């Protein structure tokens, strides 16, 4: 279930994760999203289960939402969590962090923890 939270600016770590997702794990053409000022995103909600998911617009999971990046994190302790970056109407709508191990999604991954599904991740030029 999604909950409201005090609106705030995205953290530098979460912004770096989104930039990595766009550059290393895109689903389709994300050129327009790469040009957006990620550091100015506003977090307007999250999930009350305690996971690290972030909503960037009200009703982030509404009709028209689409996956624009998909990856996973391997934390230093070996646990994993999945990450999906969602967009709606040409804007970022949410960053979903979900469990692959119980409770793993409660942590915001570092960029060094991120992996894509096609092999070792490398930054795009």
PDB file of N, CA and C in Angstrom:
ATOM      1  N   UNK A   1       0.840  -1.166   0.000  1.00  0.00           N
ATOM      2  CA  UNK A   1       0.000   0.000   0.000  1.00  0.00           C
ATOM      3  C   UNK A   1       0.892   1.239   0.000  1.00  0.00           C
ATOM      4  N   UNK A   2       0.552   2.227  -0.812  1.00  0.00           N
ATOM      5  CA  UNK A   2       1.319   3.455  -0.915  1.00  0.00           C
ATOM      6  C   UNK A   2       0.872   4.427   0.153  1.00  0.00           C
ATOM      7  N   UNK A   3       1.838   5.162   0.676  1.00  0.00           N
ATOM      8  CA  UNK A   3       1.537   6.133   1.703  1.00  0.00           C
ATOM      9  C   UNK A   3       2.063   7.495   1.302  1.00  0.00           C
ATOM     10  N   UNK A   4       1.464   8.515   1.869  1.00  0.00           N
ATOM     11  CA  UNK A   4       1.951   9.868   1.658  1.00  0.00           C
ATOM     12  C   UNK A   4       3.109  10.115   2.615  1.00  0.00           C
ATOM     13  N   UNK A   5       4.011  10.960   2.212  1.00  0.00           N
ATOM     14  CA  UNK A   5       5.097  11.363   3.083  1.00  0.00           C
ATOM     15  C   UNK A   5       5.348  12.835   2.810  1.00  0.00           C
ATOM     16  N   UNK A   6       6.039  13.493   3.727  1.00  0.00           N
ATOM     17  CA  UNK A   6       6.338  14.899   3.459  1.00  0.00           C
ATOM     18  C   UNK A   6       7.144  15.009   2.157  1.00  0.00           C
ATOM     19  N   UNK A   7       6.719  15.885   1.289  1.00  0.00           N
ATOM     20  CA  UNK A   7       7.423  16.045   0.021  1.00  0.00           C
ATOM     21  C   UNK A   7       8.846  16.510   0.294  1.00  0.00           C
ATOM     22  N   UNK A   8       9.773  15.954  -0.487  1.00  0.00           N
ATOM     23  CA  UNK A   8      11.183  16.309  -0.316  1.00  0.00           C
ATOM     24  C   UNK A   8      11.912  16.121  -1.632  1.00  0.00           C
ATOM     25  N   UNK A   9      13.075  16.678  -1.715  1.00  0.00           N
ATOM     26  CA  UNK A   9      13.932  16.490  -2.882  1.00  0.00           C
ATOM     27  C   UNK A   9      14.548  15.097  -2.827  1.00  0.00           C
ATOM     28  N   UNK A  10      14.755  14.501  -3.975  1.00  0.00           N
ATOM     29  CA  UNK A  10      15.392  13.189  -4.050  1.00  0.00           C
ATOM     30  C   UNK A  10      16.803  13.272  -3.463  1.00  0.00           C
ATOM     31  N   UNK A  11      17.252  12.202  -2.844  1.00  0.00           N
ATOM     32  CA  UNK A  11      18.605  12.185  -2.295  1.00  0.00           C
ATOM     33  C   UNK A  11      19.619  11.998  -3.423  1.00  0.00           C
ATOM     34  N   UNK A  12      20.860  12.416  -3.216  1.00  0.00           N
ATOM     35  CA  UNK A  12      21.894  12.205  -4.238  1.00  0.00           C
ATOM     36  C   UNK A  12      22.104  10.725  -4.564  1.00  0.00           C
ATOM     37  N   UNK A  13      21.977   9.849  -3.574  1.00  0.00           N
ATOM     38  CA  UNK A  13      22.156   8.416  -3.827  1.00  0.00           C
ATOM     39  C   UNK A  13      21.042   7.899  -4.728  1.00  0.00           C
ATOM     40  N   UNK A  14      19.791   8.245  -4.445  1.00  0.00           N
ATOM     41  CA  UNK A  14      18.667   7.795  -5.272  1.00  0.00           C
ATOM     42  C   UNK A  14      18.766   8.390  -6.684  1.00  0.00           C
ATOM     43  N   UNK A  15      19.209   9.638  -6.802  1.00  0.00           N
ATOM     44  CA  UNK A  15      19.384  10.242  -8.131  1.00  0.00           C
ATOM     45  C   UNK A  15      20.451   9.493  -8.921  1.00  0.00           C
ATOM     46  N   UNK A  16      21.537   9.109  -8.266  1.00  0.00           N
ATOM     47  CA  UNK A  16      22.598   8.354  -8.943  1.00  0.00           C
ATOM     48  C   UNK A  16      22.094   6.981  -9.385  1.00  0.00           C
ATOM     49  N   UNK A  17      21.252   6.359  -8.570  1.00  0.00           N
ATOM     50  CA  UNK A  17      20.667   5.063  -8.935  1.00  0.00           C
ATOM     51  C   UNK A  17      19.805   5.213 -10.186  1.00  0.00           C
ATOM     52  N   UNK A  18      18.986   6.246 -10.237  1.00  0.00           N
ATOM     53  CA  UNK A  18      18.135   6.465 -11.411  1.00  0.00           C
ATOM     54  C   UNK A  18      18.987   6.719 -12.649  1.00  0.00           C
ATOM     55  N   UNK A  19      20.012   7.536 -12.517  1.00  0.00           N
ATOM     56  CA  UNK A  19      20.895   7.801 -13.662  1.00  0.00           C
ATOM     57  C   UNK A  19      21.531   6.498 -14.145  1.00  0.00           C
ATOM     58  N   UNK A  20      21.980   5.654 -13.203  1.00  0.00           N
ATOM     59  CA  UNK A  20      22.574   4.367 -13.577  1.00  0.00           C
ATOM     60  C   UNK A  20      21.559   3.496 -14.306  1.00  0.00           C
ATOM     61  N   UNK A  21      20.345   3.430 -13.784  1.00  0.00           N
ATOM     62  CA  UNK A  21      19.305   2.623 -14.427  1.00  0.00           C
ATOM     63  C   UNK A  21      19.067   3.068 -15.861  1.00  0.00           C
ATOM     64  N   UNK A  22      18.992   4.363 -16.087  1.00  0.00           N
ATOM     65  CA  UNK A  22      18.758   4.869 -17.434  1.00  0.00           C
ATOM     66  C   UNK A  22      19.924   4.546 -18.371  1.00  0.00           C
ATOM     67  N   UNK A  23      21.130   4.590 -17.844  1.00  0.00           N
ATOM     68  CA  UNK A  23      22.312   4.365 -18.674  1.00  0.00           C
ATOM     69  C   UNK A  23      22.664   2.893 -18.860  1.00  0.00           C
ATOM     70  N   UNK A  24      22.212   2.033 -17.957  1.00  0.00           N
ATOM     71  CA  UNK A  24      22.666   0.646 -17.973  1.00  0.00           C
ATOM     72  C   UNK A  24      21.575  -0.404 -18.043  1.00  0.00           C
ATOM     73  N   UNK A  25      20.327  -0.026 -17.803  1.00  0.00           N
ATOM     74  CA  UNK A  25      19.256  -1.027 -17.792  1.00  0.00           C
ATOM     75  C   UNK A  25      17.965  -0.484 -18.399  1.00  0.00           C
ATOM     76  N   UNK A  26      18.064   0.248 -19.513  1.00  0.00           N
ATOM     77  CA  UNK A  26      16.846   0.823 -20.094  1.00  0.00           C
ATOM     78  C   UNK A  26      15.948  -0.246 -20.701  1.00  0.00           C
ATOM     79  N   UNK A  27      14.660   0.051 -20.697  1.00  0.00           N
ATOM     80  CA  UNK A  27      13.665  -0.757 -21.395  1.00  0.00           C
ATOM     81  C   UNK A  27      13.105   0.162 -22.474  1.00  0.00           C
ATOM     82  N   UNK A  28      13.562  -0.009 -23.695  1.00  0.00           N
ATOM     83  CA  UNK A  28      13.149   0.871 -24.783  1.00  0.00           C
ATOM     84  C   UNK A  28      14.005   2.118 -24.850  1.00  0.00           C
ATOM     85  N   UNK A  29      13.520   3.089 -25.581  1.00  0.00           N
ATOM     86  CA  UNK A  29      14.236   4.346 -25.795  1.00  0.00           C
ATOM     87  C   UNK A  29      13.998   5.280 -24.610  1.00  0.00           C
ATOM     88  N   UNK A  30      15.045   5.569 -23.874  1.00  0.00           N
ATOM     89  CA  UNK A  30      14.940   6.440 -22.702  1.00  0.00           C
ATOM     90  C   UNK A  30      15.698   7.755 -22.902  1.00  0.00           C
ATOM     91  N   UNK A  31      15.973   8.088 -24.152  1.00  0.00           N
ATOM     92  CA  UNK A  31      16.748   9.290 -24.460  1.00  0.00           C
ATOM     93  C   UNK A  31      16.164  10.531 -23.796  1.00  0.00           C
ATOM     94  N   UNK A  32      14.871  10.725 -23.891  1.00  0.00           N
ATOM     95  CA  UNK A  32      14.243  11.916 -23.302  1.00  0.00           C
ATOM     96  C   UNK A  32      14.390  11.927 -21.780  1.00  0.00           C
ATOM     97  N   UNK A  33      14.331  10.768 -21.145  1.00  0.00           N
ATOM     98  CA  UNK A  33      14.462  10.706 -19.691  1.00  0.00           C
ATOM     99  C   UNK A  33      15.885  11.008 -19.240  1.00  0.00           C
ATOM    100  N   UNK A  34      16.873  10.614 -20.045  1.00  0.00           N
ATOM    101  CA  UNK A  34      18.273  10.903 -19.695  1.00  0.00           C
ATOM    102  C   UNK A  34      18.534  12.404 -19.638  1.00  0.00           C
ATOM    103  N   UNK A  35      17.787  13.179 -20.413  1.00  0.00           N
ATOM    104  CA  UNK A  35      17.983  14.626 -20.455  1.00  0.00           C
ATOM    105  C   UNK A  35      17.286  15.359 -19.311  1.00  0.00           C
ATOM    106  N   UNK A  36      16.465  14.670 -18.553  1.00  0.00           N
ATOM    107  CA  UNK A  36      15.702  15.326 -17.475  1.00  0.00           C
ATOM    108  C   UNK A  36      16.602  15.583 -16.261  1.00  0.00           C
ATOM    109  N   UNK A  37      16.325  16.653 -15.527  1.00  0.00           N
ATOM    110  CA  UNK A  37      17.116  16.986 -14.330  1.00  0.00           C
ATOM    111  C   UNK A  37      16.720  16.097 -13.135  1.00  0.00           C
ATOM    112  N   UNK A  38      17.285  14.932 -13.057  1.00  0.00           N
ATOM    113  CA  UNK A  38      16.931  13.949 -12.032  1.00  0.00           C
ATOM    114  C   UNK A  38      17.118  14.513 -10.625  1.00  0.00           C
ATOM    115  N   UNK A  39      18.150  15.294 -10.422  1.00  0.00           N
ATOM    116  CA  UNK A  39      18.443  15.840  -9.095  1.00  0.00           C
ATOM    117  C   UNK A  39      17.353  16.768  -8.583  1.00  0.00           C
ATOM    118  N   UNK A  40      16.442  17.187  -9.455  1.00  0.00           N
ATOM    119  CA  UNK A  40      15.330  18.061  -9.049  1.00  0.00           C
ATOM    120  C   UNK A  40      14.043  17.304  -8.787  1.00  0.00           C
ATOM    121  N   UNK A  41      14.060  15.979  -8.940  1.00  0.00           N
ATOM    122  CA  UNK A  41      12.848  15.195  -8.669  1.00  0.00           C
ATOM    123  C   UNK A  41      12.396  15.402  -7.234  1.00  0.00           C
ATOM    124  N   UNK A  42      11.083  15.409  -7.053  1.00  0.00           N
ATOM    125  CA  UNK A  42      10.489  15.533  -5.721  1.00  0.00           C
ATOM    126  C   UNK A  42       9.866  14.202  -5.350  1.00  0.00           C
ATOM    127  N   UNK A  43      10.175  13.712  -4.178  1.00  0.00           N
ATOM    128  CA  UNK A  43       9.577  12.493  -3.644  1.00  0.00           C
ATOM    129  C   UNK A  43       8.296  12.909  -2.934  1.00  0.00           C
ATOM    130  N   UNK A  44       7.169  12.301  -3.359  1.00  0.00           N
ATOM    131  CA  UNK A  44       5.873  12.668  -2.779  1.00  0.00           C
ATOM    132  C   UNK A  44       5.213  11.522  -2.029  1.00  0.00           C
ATOM    133  N   UNK A  45       5.838  10.348  -2.053  1.00  0.00           N
ATOM    134  CA  UNK A  45       5.247   9.208  -1.365  1.00  0.00           C
ATOM    135  C   UNK A  45       6.152   8.002  -1.445  1.00  0.00           C
ATOM    136  N   UNK A  46       5.665   6.936  -0.839  1.00  0.00           N
ATOM    137  CA  UNK A  46       6.394   5.685  -0.816  1.00  0.00           C
ATOM    138  C   UNK A  46       5.456   4.571  -0.393  1.00  0.00           C
ATOM    139  N   UNK A  47       6.033   3.496   0.038  1.00  0.00           N
ATOM    140  CA  UNK A  47       5.261   2.319   0.417  1.00  0.00           C
ATOM    141  C   UNK A  47       5.324   2.147   1.925  1.00  0.00           C
ATOM    142  N   UNK A  48       4.215   1.802   2.553  1.00  0.00           N
ATOM    143  CA  UNK A  48       4.219   1.669   4.013  1.00  0.00           C
ATOM    144  C   UNK A  48       4.776   0.335   4.492  1.00  0.00           C
ATOM    145  N   UNK A  49       5.246  -0.519   3.588  1.00  0.00           N
ATOM    146  CA  UNK A  49       5.822  -1.803   4.002  1.00  0.00           C
ATOM    147  C   UNK A  49       7.259  -1.641   4.493  1.00  0.00           C
ATOM    148  N   UNK A  50       7.827  -0.461   4.331  1.00  0.00           N
ATOM    149  CA  UNK A  50       9.196  -0.229   4.785  1.00  0.00           C
ATOM    150  C   UNK A  50      10.228  -0.382   3.687  1.00  0.00           C
ATOM    151  N   UNK A  51       9.795  -0.661   2.473  1.00  0.00           N
ATOM    152  CA  UNK A  51      10.757  -0.790   1.379  1.00  0.00           C
ATOM    153  C   UNK A  51      11.258   0.600   0.980  1.00  0.00           C
ATOM    154  N   UNK A  52      12.278   0.635   0.150  1.00  0.00           N
ATOM    155  CA  UNK A  52      12.902   1.883  -0.250  1.00  0.00           C
ATOM    156  C   UNK A  52      12.267   2.493  -1.505  1.00  0.00           C
ATOM    157  N   UNK A  53      11.092   2.022  -1.917  1.00  0.00           N
ATOM    158  CA  UNK A  53      10.432   2.563  -3.108  1.00  0.00           C
ATOM    159  C   UNK A  53      10.072   4.031  -2.921  1.00  0.00           C
ATOM    160  N   UNK A  54      10.129   4.787  -4.033  1.00  0.00           N
ATOM    161  CA  UNK A  54       9.847   6.218  -4.016  1.00  0.00           C
ATOM    162  C   UNK A  54       8.829   6.553  -5.096  1.00  0.00           C
ATOM    163  N   UNK A  55       7.885   7.421  -4.765  1.00  0.00           N
ATOM    164  CA  UNK A  55       6.921   7.928  -5.740  1.00  0.00           C
ATOM    165  C   UNK A  55       7.270   9.382  -6.035  1.00  0.00           C
ATOM    166  N   UNK A  56       7.241   9.742  -7.319  1.00  0.00           N
ATOM    167  CA  UNK A  56       7.561  11.093  -7.737  1.00  0.00           C
ATOM    168  C   UNK A  56       6.340  11.877  -8.185  1.00  0.00           C
ATOM    169  N   UNK A  57       5.193  11.224  -8.147  1.00  0.00           N
ATOM    170  CA  UNK A  57       3.939  11.885  -8.472  1.00  0.00           C
ATOM    171  C   UNK A  57       2.818  11.163  -7.748  1.00  0.00           C
ATOM    172  N   UNK A  58       1.746  11.871  -7.423  1.00  0.00           N
ATOM    173  CA  UNK A  58       0.599  11.199  -6.816  1.00  0.00           C
ATOM    174  C   UNK A  58       0.054  10.144  -7.780  1.00  0.00           C
ATOM    175  N   UNK A  59      -0.497   9.099  -7.238  1.00  0.00           N
ATOM    176  CA  UNK A  59      -1.057   8.011  -8.049  1.00  0.00           C
ATOM    177  C   UNK A  59      -0.037   7.491  -9.072  1.00  0.00           C
ATOM    178  N   UNK A  60       1.176   7.273  -8.594  1.00  0.00           N
ATOM    179  CA  UNK A  60       2.284   6.868  -9.458  1.00  0.00           C
ATOM    180  C   UNK A  60       2.020   5.568 -10.201  1.00  0.00           C
ATOM    181  N   UNK A  61       1.135   4.736  -9.673  1.00  0.00           N
ATOM    182  CA  UNK A  61       0.873   3.431 -10.271  1.00  0.00           C
ATOM    183  C   UNK A  61      -0.400   3.420 -11.099  1.00  0.00           C
ATOM    184  N   UNK A  62      -0.826   4.583 -11.550  1.00  0.00           N
ATOM    185  CA  UNK A  62      -2.067   4.680 -12.299  1.00  0.00           C
ATOM    186  C   UNK A  62      -1.953   4.163 -13.724  1.00  0.00           C
ATOM    187  N   UNK A  63      -3.060   4.244 -14.420  1.00  0.00           N
ATOM    188  CA  UNK A  63      -3.117   3.816 -15.819  1.00  0.00           C
ATOM    189  C   UNK A  63      -2.089   4.593 -16.627  1.00  0.00           C
ATOM    190  N   UNK A  64      -1.474   3.923 -17.572  1.00  0.00           N
ATOM    191  CA  UNK A  64      -0.493   4.554 -18.432  1.00  0.00           C
ATOM    192  C   UNK A  64       0.931   4.456 -17.943  1.00  0.00           C
ATOM    193  N   UNK A  65       1.142   3.900 -16.748  1.00  0.00           N
ATOM    194  CA  UNK A  65       2.501   3.725 -16.243  1.00  0.00           C
ATOM    195  C   UNK A  65       3.232   2.678 -17.067  1.00  0.00           C
ATOM    196  N   UNK A  66       4.508   2.904 -17.301  1.00  0.00           N
ATOM    197  CA  UNK A  66       5.311   1.978 -18.096  1.00  0.00           C
ATOM    198  C   UNK A  66       6.698   1.833 -17.473  1.00  0.00           C
ATOM    199  N   UNK A  67       7.254   0.648 -17.594  1.00  0.00           N
ATOM    200  CA  UNK A  67       8.612   0.388 -17.121  1.00  0.00           C
ATOM    201  C   UNK A  67       9.587   1.014 -18.102  1.00  0.00           C
ATOM    202  N   UNK A  68      10.528   1.823 -17.582  1.00  0.00           N
ATOM    203  CA  UNK A  68      11.547   2.405 -18.456  1.00  0.00           C
ATOM    204  C   UNK A  68      12.954   1.893 -18.136  1.00  0.00           C
ATOM    205  N   UNK A  69      13.122   1.213 -16.993  1.00  0.00           N
ATOM    206  CA  UNK A  69      14.404   0.587 -16.658  1.00  0.00           C
ATOM    207  C   UNK A  69      14.144  -0.530 -15.661  1.00  0.00           C
ATOM    208  N   UNK A  70      14.966  -1.580 -15.741  1.00  0.00           N
ATOM    209  CA  UNK A  70      14.758  -2.773 -14.919  1.00  0.00           C
ATOM    210  C   UNK A  70      16.121  -3.384 -14.596  1.00  0.00           C
ATOM    211  N   UNK A  71      16.419  -3.532 -13.312  1.00  0.00           N
ATOM    212  CA  UNK A  71      17.719  -4.074 -12.894  1.00  0.00           C
ATOM    213  C   UNK A  71      17.557  -4.704 -11.513  1.00  0.00           C
ATOM    214  N   UNK A  72      18.672  -5.076 -10.927  1.00  0.00           N
ATOM    215  CA  UNK A  72      18.641  -5.604  -9.568  1.00  0.00           C
ATOM    216  C   UNK A  72      19.893  -5.166  -8.821  1.00  0.00           C
ATOM    217  N   UNK A  73      19.832  -5.286  -7.509  1.00  0.00           N
ATOM    218  CA  UNK A  73      20.960  -4.935  -6.653  1.00  0.00           C
ATOM    219  C   UNK A  73      21.444  -6.190  -5.937  1.00  0.00           C
ATOM    220  N   UNK A  74      22.730  -6.318  -5.837  1.00  0.00           N
ATOM    221  CA  UNK A  74      23.355  -7.348  -5.009  1.00  0.00           C
ATOM    222  C   UNK A  74      24.110  -6.596  -3.919  1.00  0.00           C
ATOM    223  N   UNK A  75      23.598  -6.683  -2.702  1.00  0.00           N
ATOM    224  CA  UNK A  75      24.204  -5.976  -1.579  1.00  0.00           C
ATOM    225  C   UNK A  75      25.469  -6.692  -1.110  1.00  0.00           C
ATOM    226  N   UNK A  76      26.340  -6.003  -0.379  1.00  0.00           N
ATOM    227  CA  UNK A  76      27.579  -6.630   0.087  1.00  0.00           C
ATOM    228  C   UNK A  76      27.370  -7.921   0.886  1.00  0.00           C
ATOM    229  N   UNK A  77      26.201  -8.068   1.528  1.00  0.00           N
ATOM    230  CA  UNK A  77      25.934  -9.290   2.293  1.00  0.00           C
ATOM    231  C   UNK A  77      25.368 -10.412   1.419  1.00  0.00           C
ATOM    232  N   UNK A  78      25.267 -10.174   0.104  1.00  0.00           N
ATOM    233  CA  UNK A  78      24.793 -11.199  -0.830  1.00  0.00           C
ATOM    234  C   UNK A  78      23.304 -11.200  -1.083  1.00  0.00           C
ATOM    235  N   UNK A  79      22.524 -10.466  -0.309  1.00  0.00           N
ATOM    236  CA  UNK A  79      21.083 -10.391  -0.561  1.00  0.00           C
ATOM    237  C   UNK A  79      20.814  -9.556  -1.812  1.00  0.00           C
ATOM    238  N   UNK A  80      19.674  -9.811  -2.437  1.00  0.00           N
ATOM    239  CA  UNK A  80      19.335  -9.089  -3.655  1.00  0.00           C
ATOM    240  C   UNK A  80      17.948  -8.455  -3.568  1.00  0.00           C
ATOM    241  N   UNK A  81      17.794  -7.390  -4.319  1.00  0.00           N
ATOM    242  CA  UNK A  81      16.505  -6.711  -4.466  1.00  0.00           C
ATOM    243  C   UNK A  81      16.387  -6.283  -5.917  1.00  0.00           C
ATOM    244  N   UNK A  82      15.160  -6.220  -6.417  1.00  0.00           N
ATOM    245  CA  UNK A  82      14.919  -5.758  -7.770  1.00  0.00           C
ATOM    246  C   UNK A  82      14.605  -4.276  -7.781  1.00  0.00           C
ATOM    247  N   UNK A  83      14.884  -3.641  -8.904  1.00  0.00           N
ATOM    248  CA  UNK A  83      14.579  -2.220  -9.081  1.00  0.00           C
ATOM    249  C   UNK A  83      13.887  -2.028 -10.420  1.00  0.00           C
ATOM    250  N   UNK A  84      12.785  -1.305 -10.402  1.00  0.00           N
ATOM    251  CA  UNK A  84      12.077  -0.946 -11.620  1.00  0.00           C
ATOM    252  C   UNK A  84      11.833   0.555 -11.582  1.00  0.00           C
ATOM    253  N   UNK A  85      12.229   1.232 -12.655  1.00  0.00           N
ATOM    254  CA  UNK A  85      11.959   2.654 -12.795  1.00  0.00           C
ATOM    255  C   UNK A  85      10.737   2.805 -13.693  1.00  0.00           C
ATOM    256  N   UNK A  86       9.726   3.495 -13.186  1.00  0.00           N
ATOM    257  CA  UNK A  86       8.453   3.670 -13.877  1.00  0.00           C
ATOM    258  C   UNK A  86       8.293   5.115 -14.341  1.00  0.00           C
ATOM    259  N   UNK A  87       7.562   5.279 -15.439  1.00  0.00           N
ATOM    260  CA  UNK A  87       7.219   6.609 -15.936  1.00  0.00           C
ATOM    261  C   UNK A  87       5.766   6.616 -16.397  1.00  0.00           C
ATOM    262  N   UNK A  88       5.204   7.807 -16.446  1.00  0.00           N
ATOM    263  CA  UNK A  88       3.833   7.985 -16.908  1.00  0.00           C
ATOM    264  C   UNK A  88       3.739   9.367 -17.551  1.00  0.00           C
ATOM    265  N   UNK A  89       3.167   9.419 -18.734  1.00  0.00           N
ATOM    266  CA  UNK A  89       2.959  10.679 -19.446  1.00  0.00           C
ATOM    267  C   UNK A  89       4.253  11.468 -19.608  1.00  0.00           C
ATOM    268  N   UNK A  90       5.348  10.765 -19.894  1.00  0.00           N
ATOM    269  CA  UNK A  90       6.622  11.419 -20.151  1.00  0.00           C
ATOM    270  C   UNK A  90       7.361  11.918 -18.934  1.00  0.00           C
ATOM    271  N   UNK A  91       6.925  11.516 -17.736  1.00  0.00           N
ATOM    272  CA  UNK A  91       7.579  11.939 -16.497  1.00  0.00           C
ATOM    273  C   UNK A  91       7.895  10.725 -15.645  1.00  0.00           C
ATOM    274  N   UNK A  92       8.953  10.824 -14.836  1.00  0.00           N
ATOM    275  CA  UNK A  92       9.238   9.768 -13.876  1.00  0.00           C
ATOM    276  C   UNK A  92       8.066   9.674 -12.915  1.00  0.00           C
ATOM    277  N   UNK A  93       7.620   8.468 -12.620  1.00  0.00           N
ATOM    278  CA  UNK A  93       6.527   8.321 -11.665  1.00  0.00           C
ATOM    279  C   UNK A  93       6.965   7.621 -10.389  1.00  0.00           C
ATOM    280  N   UNK A  94       7.834   6.605 -10.479  1.00  0.00           N
ATOM    281  CA  UNK A  94       8.286   5.944  -9.259  1.00  0.00           C
ATOM    282  C   UNK A  94       9.537   5.120  -9.501  1.00  0.00           C
ATOM    283  N   UNK A  95      10.228   4.875  -8.422  1.00  0.00           N
ATOM    284  CA  UNK A  95      11.336   3.932  -8.379  1.00  0.00           C
ATOM    285  C   UNK A  95      10.907   2.837  -7.413  1.00  0.00           C
ATOM    286  N   UNK A  96      10.651   1.666  -7.960  1.00  0.00           N
ATOM    287  CA  UNK A  96      10.199   0.529  -7.146  1.00  0.00           C
ATOM    288  C   UNK A  96      11.411  -0.299  -6.740  1.00  0.00           C
ATOM    289  N   UNK A  97      11.498  -0.624  -5.458  1.00  0.00           N
ATOM    290  CA  UNK A  97      12.520  -1.533  -4.944  1.00  0.00           C
ATOM    291  C   UNK A  97      11.769  -2.691  -4.302  1.00  0.00           C
ATOM    292  N   UNK A  98      11.984  -3.901  -4.821  1.00  0.00           N
ATOM    293  CA  UNK A  98      11.217  -5.037  -4.325  1.00  0.00           C
ATOM    294  C   UNK A  98      12.143  -6.161  -3.857  1.00  0.00           C
ATOM    295  N   UNK A  99      11.614  -6.983  -2.950  1.00  0.00           N
ATOM    296  CA  UNK A  99      12.389  -8.069  -2.341  1.00  0.00           C
ATOM    297  C   UNK A  99      12.690  -9.202  -3.309  1.00  0.00           C
ATOM    298  N   UNK A 100      13.919  -9.664  -3.273  1.00  0.00           N
ATOM    299  CA  UNK A 100      14.287 -10.969  -3.820  1.00  0.00           C
ATOM    300  C   UNK A 100      14.651 -11.881  -2.647  1.00  0.00           C
ATOM    301  N   UNK A 101      15.135 -11.289  -1.574  1.00  0.00           N
ATOM    302  CA  UNK A 101      15.328 -11.933  -0.274  1.00  0.00           C
ATOM    303  C   UNK A 101      14.443 -11.171   0.709  1.00  0.00           C
ATOM    304  N   UNK A 102      13.831 -11.829   1.667  1.00  0.00           N
ATOM    305  CA  UNK A 102      12.954 -11.121   2.610  1.00  0.00           C
ATOM    306  C   UNK A 102      13.657  -9.933   3.269  1.00  0.00           C
ATOM    307  N   UNK A 103      13.049  -8.767   3.154  1.00  0.00           N
ATOM    308  CA  UNK A 103      13.563  -7.562   3.796  1.00  0.00           C
ATOM    309  C   UNK A 103      14.661  -6.840   3.024  1.00  0.00           C
ATOM    310  N   UNK A 104      15.117  -7.395   1.910  1.00  0.00           N
ATOM    311  CA  UNK A 104      16.211  -6.771   1.165  1.00  0.00           C
ATOM    312  C   UNK A 104      15.824  -5.412   0.588  1.00  0.00           C
ATOM    313  N   UNK A 105      14.557  -5.210   0.301  1.00  0.00           N
ATOM    314  CA  UNK A 105      14.130  -3.965  -0.343  1.00  0.00           C
ATOM    315  C   UNK A 105      14.075  -2.785   0.627  1.00  0.00           C
ATOM    316  N   UNK A 106      14.371  -3.003   1.879  1.00  0.00           N
ATOM    317  CA  UNK A 106      14.335  -1.916   2.851  1.00  0.00           C
ATOM    318  C   UNK A 106      15.560  -1.013   2.746  1.00  0.00           C
ATOM    319  N   UNK A 107      16.528  -1.412   1.929  1.00  0.00           N
ATOM    320  CA  UNK A 107      17.765  -0.648   1.780  1.00  0.00           C
ATOM    321  C   UNK A 107      17.816   0.024   0.410  1.00  0.00           C
ATOM    322  N   UNK A 108      18.269   1.256   0.402  1.00  0.00           N
ATOM    323  CA  UNK A 108      18.533   1.927  -0.866  1.00  0.00           C
ATOM    324  C   UNK A 108      19.886   1.407  -1.349  1.00  0.00           C
ATOM    325  N   UNK A 109      19.936   0.845  -2.546  1.00  0.00           N
ATOM    326  CA  UNK A 109      21.214   0.327  -3.015  1.00  0.00           C
ATOM    327  C   UNK A 109      22.172   1.455  -3.397  1.00  0.00           C
ATOM    328  N   UNK A 110      23.433   1.156  -3.332  1.00  0.00           N
ATOM    329  CA  UNK A 110      24.467   2.039  -3.853  1.00  0.00           C
ATOM    330  C   UNK A 110      24.654   1.690  -5.334  1.00  0.00           C
ATOM    331  N   UNK A 111      25.168   2.600  -6.111  1.00  0.00           N
ATOM    332  CA  UNK A 111      25.406   2.323  -7.528  1.00  0.00           C
ATOM    333  C   UNK A 111      26.300   1.097  -7.685  1.00  0.00           C
ATOM    334  N   UNK A 112      27.262   0.919  -6.808  1.00  0.00           N
ATOM    335  CA  UNK A 112      28.170  -0.231  -6.895  1.00  0.00           C
ATOM    336  C   UNK A 112      27.448  -1.563  -6.677  1.00  0.00           C
ATOM    337  N   UNK A 113      26.248  -1.548  -6.107  1.00  0.00           N
ATOM    338  CA  UNK A 113      25.462  -2.762  -5.884  1.00  0.00           C
ATOM    339  C   UNK A 113      24.632  -3.162  -7.105  1.00  0.00           C
ATOM    340  N   UNK A 114      24.483  -2.278  -8.081  1.00  0.00           N
ATOM    341  CA  UNK A 114      23.536  -2.475  -9.175  1.00  0.00           C
ATOM    342  C   UNK A 114      24.078  -3.389 -10.267  1.00  0.00           C
ATOM    343  N   UNK A 115      23.173  -4.163 -10.844  1.00  0.00           N
ATOM    344  CA  UNK A 115      23.488  -5.079 -11.943  1.00  0.00           C
ATOM    345  C   UNK A 115      22.345  -5.021 -12.946  1.00  0.00           C
ATOM    346  N   UNK A 116      22.685  -5.243 -14.223  1.00  0.00           N
ATOM    347  CA  UNK A 116      21.616  -5.370 -15.205  1.00  0.00           C
ATOM    348  C   UNK A 116      21.460  -6.838 -15.560  1.00  0.00           C
ATOM    349  N   UNK A 117      20.502  -7.146 -16.396  1.00  0.00           N
ATOM    350  CA  UNK A 117      20.183  -8.540 -16.692  1.00  0.00           C
ATOM    351  C   UNK A 117      20.917  -9.101 -17.906  1.00  0.00           C
ATOM    352  N   UNK A 118      21.782  -8.313 -18.531  1.00  0.00           N
ATOM    353  CA  UNK A 118      22.455  -8.778 -19.743  1.00  0.00           C
ATOM    354  C   UNK A 118      23.933  -9.058 -19.552  1.00  0.00           C
ATOM    355  N   UNK A 119      24.418  -8.960 -18.340  1.00  0.00           N
ATOM    356  CA  UNK A 119      25.829  -9.212 -18.081  1.00  0.00           C
ATOM    357  C   UNK A 119      26.409  -8.115 -17.235  1.00  0.00           C
ATOM    358  N   UNK A 120      27.721  -8.096 -17.112  1.00  0.00           N
ATOM    359  CA  UNK A 120      28.353  -7.075 -16.296  1.00  0.00           C
ATOM    360  C   UNK A 120      27.981  -5.669 -16.790  1.00  0.00           C
ATOM    361  N   UNK A 121      27.601  -4.830 -15.883  1.00  0.00           N
ATOM    362  CA  UNK A 121      27.172  -3.482 -16.245  1.00  0.00           C
ATOM    363  C   UNK A 121      28.376  -2.623 -16.593  1.00  0.00           C
ATOM    364  N   UNK A 122      28.208  -1.828 -17.628  1.00  0.00           N
ATOM    365  CA  UNK A 122      29.209  -0.858 -18.019  1.00  0.00           C
ATOM    366  C   UNK A 122      28.498   0.433 -18.353  1.00  0.00           C
ATOM    367  N   UNK A 123      29.102   1.544 -17.946  1.00  0.00           N
ATOM    368  CA  UNK A 123      28.512   2.832 -18.258  1.00  0.00           C
ATOM    369  C   UNK A 123      28.499   3.033 -19.759  1.00  0.00           C
ATOM    370  N   UNK A 124      27.416   3.583 -20.264  1.00  0.00           N
ATOM    371  CA  UNK A 124      27.342   3.946 -21.668  1.00  0.00           C
ATOM    372  C   UNK A 124      28.098   5.250 -21.872  1.00  0.00           C
ATOM    373  N   UNK A 125      28.648   5.477 -23.058  1.00  0.00           N
ATOM    374  CA  UNK A 125      29.365   6.737 -23.302  1.00  0.00           C
ATOM    375  C   UNK A 125      28.437   7.929 -23.235  1.00  0.00           C
TER     376      UNK A 125
END
